[in-house]
Protein backbone atom coordinates (compact mmCIF):
# COMPACT_ATOMS: atom_id res chain seq x y z
CA MET A 1 -0.03 0.10 -0.22
CA ASN A 2 1.33 3.50 -1.07
CA PRO A 3 1.98 5.96 1.87
CA LEU A 4 -0.72 9.00 2.04
CA ASN A 5 0.04 12.52 1.20
CA ILE A 6 -1.12 13.98 4.52
CA ASP A 7 -1.99 17.27 2.34
CA ASP A 8 -3.83 15.21 0.27
CA VAL A 9 -6.01 13.82 3.35
CA VAL A 10 -6.34 17.14 4.32
CA ALA A 11 -7.78 18.46 1.32
CA TYR A 12 -9.99 15.76 0.80
CA VAL A 13 -11.38 15.96 4.57
CA GLU A 14 -11.67 20.36 4.07
CA ASN A 15 -13.87 19.57 0.57
CA ASN A 16 -16.17 17.01 2.28
CA ILE A 17 -16.73 17.26 5.65
CA GLU A 18 -19.55 19.66 5.03
CA THR A 19 -21.46 17.16 3.20
CA PHE A 20 -20.66 14.39 5.79
CA HIS A 21 -21.87 16.35 8.77
CA ARG A 22 -25.06 17.52 6.64
CA LYS A 23 -25.97 13.64 6.00
CA ARG A 24 -25.77 12.95 9.26
CA VAL A 25 -27.59 15.67 10.72
CA GLU A 26 -30.56 14.93 7.99
CA SER A 27 -30.36 11.17 9.22
CA VAL A 28 -31.01 12.24 12.75
CA GLY A 29 -33.91 14.50 12.03
CA LYS A 30 -35.45 11.53 10.36
CA ILE A 31 -35.14 8.67 13.05
CA LYS A 32 -37.88 7.64 15.23
CA LEU A 33 -37.51 6.91 18.72
CA ASP A 34 -39.24 3.60 18.22
CA ALA A 35 -36.70 2.60 15.60
CA ILE A 36 -33.97 3.32 18.14
CA VAL A 37 -35.45 1.42 20.98
CA LYS A 38 -35.96 -1.59 18.85
CA ARG A 39 -32.42 -1.32 17.56
CA LYS A 40 -31.03 -0.90 21.03
CA ASN A 41 -33.23 -3.55 23.13
CA PRO A 42 -34.69 -6.09 20.59
């Protein structure tokens, strides 16, 4: 495996972190308490 170039990693994260967090917030907003309870306590 080739070593990672840290500058490339930083650039990738800076370009994609907003999209990642937006999707996470959207998914949290859509989840129902019933779904959480069923998943945690089947």
